[in-house]
């Protein structure tokens, strides 16, 4: 019981640290997405068809993003991704866009 409480507390702390770290990372001027490992893969494979705003408003965990990437391939013609690129994309999206965000027209 004590172990599960400690583990839960650590996971919660890491979530907040990730959120704080993401706030300090620079934003890509072209896509409006956070600059970090995996962004280049997202730019080469995702934002060639849709804007970065589409990503921001569709937040989720790894399972969610794995589903979304598969959906893009099956329903919208996304080409087959190299396994390492797919992994970087899903890791990037689930790390930086795990929650949905409201985006207004005025935002750059």
C-alpha atoms as a PDB file:
ATOM      1  CA  UNK A   1       0.000   0.000   0.000  1.00  0.00           C
ATOM      2  CA  UNK A   2       2.744   2.458   0.973  1.00  0.00           C
ATOM      3  CA  UNK A   3       4.687   1.596  -2.182  1.00  0.00           C
ATOM      4  CA  UNK A   4       1.715   2.333  -4.415  1.00  0.00           C
ATOM      5  CA  UNK A   5       1.172   5.688  -2.687  1.00  0.00           C
ATOM      6  CA  UNK A   6       4.845   6.609  -3.143  1.00  0.00           C
ATOM      7  CA  UNK A   7       4.796   5.512  -6.793  1.00  0.00           C
ATOM      8  CA  UNK A   8       1.599   7.488  -7.411  1.00  0.00           C
ATOM      9  CA  UNK A   9       3.123  10.574  -5.793  1.00  0.00           C
ATOM     10  CA  UNK A  10       6.265  10.245  -7.917  1.00  0.00           C
ATOM     11  CA  UNK A  11       4.250   9.884 -11.116  1.00  0.00           C
ATOM     12  CA  UNK A  12       2.199  12.928 -10.225  1.00  0.00           C
ATOM     13  CA  UNK A  13       5.370  14.927  -9.533  1.00  0.00           C
ATOM     14  CA  UNK A  14       6.858  13.860 -12.868  1.00  0.00           C
ATOM     15  CA  UNK A  15       3.707  14.974 -14.663  1.00  0.00           C
ATOM     16  CA  UNK A  16       4.044  18.445 -13.181  1.00  0.00           C
ATOM     17  CA  UNK A  17       7.759  18.560 -13.962  1.00  0.00           C
ATOM     18  CA  UNK A  18       7.051  17.639 -17.589  1.00  0.00           C
ATOM     19  CA  UNK A  19       4.436  20.397 -17.780  1.00  0.00           C
ATOM     20  CA  UNK A  20       6.855  22.936 -16.328  1.00  0.00           C
ATOM     21  CA  UNK A  21       9.674  21.782 -18.634  1.00  0.00           C
ATOM     22  CA  UNK A  22       7.383  22.035 -21.659  1.00  0.00           C
ATOM     23  CA  UNK A  23       6.537  25.621 -20.758  1.00  0.00           C
ATOM     24  CA  UNK A  24      10.238  26.506 -20.865  1.00  0.00           C
ATOM     25  CA  UNK A  25      10.952  24.909 -24.234  1.00  0.00           C
ATOM     26  CA  UNK A  26      10.900  27.191 -27.272  1.00  0.00           C
ATOM     27  CA  UNK A  27       7.983  27.133 -29.699  1.00  0.00           C
ATOM     28  CA  UNK A  28       8.540  26.432 -33.385  1.00  0.00           C
ATOM     29  CA  UNK A  29       7.515  29.538 -35.324  1.00  0.00           C
ATOM     30  CA  UNK A  30       6.186  27.591 -38.316  1.00  0.00           C
ATOM     31  CA  UNK A  31       4.019  24.977 -36.587  1.00  0.00           C
ATOM     32  CA  UNK A  32       3.399  26.569 -33.191  1.00  0.00           C
ATOM     33  CA  UNK A  33       4.507  23.292 -31.577  1.00  0.00           C
ATOM     34  CA  UNK A  34       7.052  22.800 -28.805  1.00  0.00           C
ATOM     35  CA  UNK A  35      10.612  22.348 -30.037  1.00  0.00           C
ATOM     36  CA  UNK A  36      11.996  19.046 -28.814  1.00  0.00           C
ATOM     37  CA  UNK A  37      13.129  15.640 -30.062  1.00  0.00           C
ATOM     38  CA  UNK A  38      10.479  14.342 -32.446  1.00  0.00           C
ATOM     39  CA  UNK A  39       9.276  17.709 -33.742  1.00  0.00           C
ATOM     40  CA  UNK A  40      11.185  17.293 -37.005  1.00  0.00           C
ATOM     41  CA  UNK A  41       9.439  13.949 -37.567  1.00  0.00           C
ATOM     42  CA  UNK A  42       6.081  15.592 -36.840  1.00  0.00           C
ATOM     43  CA  UNK A  43       6.887  18.369 -39.317  1.00  0.00           C
ATOM     44  CA  UNK A  44       7.930  15.883 -42.010  1.00  0.00           C
ATOM     45  CA  UNK A  45       4.996  13.519 -41.544  1.00  0.00           C
ATOM     46  CA  UNK A  46       2.090  15.291 -39.850  1.00  0.00           C
ATOM     47  CA  UNK A  47       2.037  19.022 -40.453  1.00  0.00           C
ATOM     48  CA  UNK A  48       2.563  18.563 -44.183  1.00  0.00           C
ATOM     49  CA  UNK A  49      -1.179  17.722 -44.238  1.00  0.00           C
ATOM     50  CA  UNK A  50      -2.616  19.618 -41.260  1.00  0.00           C
ATOM     51  CA  UNK A  51      -1.607  22.444 -38.966  1.00  0.00           C
ATOM     52  CA  UNK A  52      -0.001  22.116 -35.567  1.00  0.00           C
ATOM     53  CA  UNK A  53      -3.255  23.397 -34.053  1.00  0.00           C
ATOM     54  CA  UNK A  54      -4.911  20.110 -34.991  1.00  0.00           C
ATOM     55  CA  UNK A  55      -2.362  18.363 -32.761  1.00  0.00           C
ATOM     56  CA  UNK A  56      -2.822  20.768 -29.861  1.00  0.00           C
ATOM     57  CA  UNK A  57      -6.600  20.291 -29.733  1.00  0.00           C
ATOM     58  CA  UNK A  58      -6.335  16.468 -29.866  1.00  0.00           C
ATOM     59  CA  UNK A  59      -4.304  15.656 -26.764  1.00  0.00           C
ATOM     60  CA  UNK A  60      -3.889  12.163 -25.386  1.00  0.00           C
ATOM     61  CA  UNK A  61      -1.573   9.476 -24.045  1.00  0.00           C
ATOM     62  CA  UNK A  62       0.599   7.058 -26.056  1.00  0.00           C
ATOM     63  CA  UNK A  63      -2.360   4.774 -26.738  1.00  0.00           C
ATOM     64  CA  UNK A  64      -4.363   7.727 -28.077  1.00  0.00           C
ATOM     65  CA  UNK A  65      -1.544   8.980 -30.332  1.00  0.00           C
ATOM     66  CA  UNK A  66      -0.775   5.466 -31.588  1.00  0.00           C
ATOM     67  CA  UNK A  67      -4.431   5.172 -32.576  1.00  0.00           C
ATOM     68  CA  UNK A  68      -4.393   8.618 -34.242  1.00  0.00           C
ATOM     69  CA  UNK A  69      -1.259   7.846 -36.268  1.00  0.00           C
ATOM     70  CA  UNK A  70      -2.833   4.554 -37.384  1.00  0.00           C
ATOM     71  CA  UNK A  71      -6.040   6.373 -38.297  1.00  0.00           C
ATOM     72  CA  UNK A  72      -4.091   8.899 -40.362  1.00  0.00           C
ATOM     73  CA  UNK A  73      -2.507   6.025 -42.246  1.00  0.00           C
ATOM     74  CA  UNK A  74      -5.684   3.990 -42.803  1.00  0.00           C
ATOM     75  CA  UNK A  75      -8.187   6.758 -43.443  1.00  0.00           C
ATOM     76  CA  UNK A  76      -6.219   9.755 -44.664  1.00  0.00           C
ATOM     77  CA  UNK A  77      -3.323   8.387 -46.716  1.00  0.00           C
ATOM     78  CA  UNK A  78      -0.374   8.843 -44.378  1.00  0.00           C
ATOM     79  CA  UNK A  79       2.533   6.893 -45.828  1.00  0.00           C
ATOM     80  CA  UNK A  80       4.160   4.046 -43.916  1.00  0.00           C
ATOM     81  CA  UNK A  81       6.420   5.501 -41.252  1.00  0.00           C
ATOM     82  CA  UNK A  82       9.800   4.076 -40.366  1.00  0.00           C
ATOM     83  CA  UNK A  83       9.489   2.438 -36.927  1.00  0.00           C
ATOM     84  CA  UNK A  84      11.997   4.821 -35.302  1.00  0.00           C
ATOM     85  CA  UNK A  85      10.239   7.891 -36.721  1.00  0.00           C
ATOM     86  CA  UNK A  86       6.840   6.578 -35.588  1.00  0.00           C
ATOM     87  CA  UNK A  87       8.204   5.995 -32.089  1.00  0.00           C
ATOM     88  CA  UNK A  88       9.685   9.520 -31.913  1.00  0.00           C
ATOM     89  CA  UNK A  89       6.386  11.023 -33.127  1.00  0.00           C
ATOM     90  CA  UNK A  90       4.278   9.140 -30.586  1.00  0.00           C
ATOM     91  CA  UNK A  91       6.732   9.875 -27.754  1.00  0.00           C
ATOM     92  CA  UNK A  92       6.846  13.569 -28.696  1.00  0.00           C
ATOM     93  CA  UNK A  93       3.071  13.907 -28.968  1.00  0.00           C
ATOM     94  CA  UNK A  94       2.302  12.021 -25.770  1.00  0.00           C
ATOM     95  CA  UNK A  95       4.933  13.985 -23.834  1.00  0.00           C
ATOM     96  CA  UNK A  96       3.976  17.467 -25.006  1.00  0.00           C
ATOM     97  CA  UNK A  97       0.340  17.066 -26.059  1.00  0.00           C
ATOM     98  CA  UNK A  98      -1.160  14.707 -23.520  1.00  0.00           C
ATOM     99  CA  UNK A  99      -4.033  17.092 -22.811  1.00  0.00           C
ATOM    100  CA  UNK A 100      -6.414  18.867 -25.150  1.00  0.00           C
ATOM    101  CA  UNK A 101      -6.026  22.629 -25.346  1.00  0.00           C
ATOM    102  CA  UNK A 102      -8.435  25.253 -26.589  1.00  0.00           C
ATOM    103  CA  UNK A 103      -7.004  27.240 -29.462  1.00  0.00           C
ATOM    104  CA  UNK A 104      -8.401  30.518 -30.719  1.00  0.00           C
ATOM    105  CA  UNK A 105      -8.152  32.004 -34.181  1.00  0.00           C
ATOM    106  CA  UNK A 106      -6.018  34.843 -32.845  1.00  0.00           C
ATOM    107  CA  UNK A 107      -3.236  32.564 -31.583  1.00  0.00           C
ATOM    108  CA  UNK A 108      -0.143  32.262 -33.765  1.00  0.00           C
END
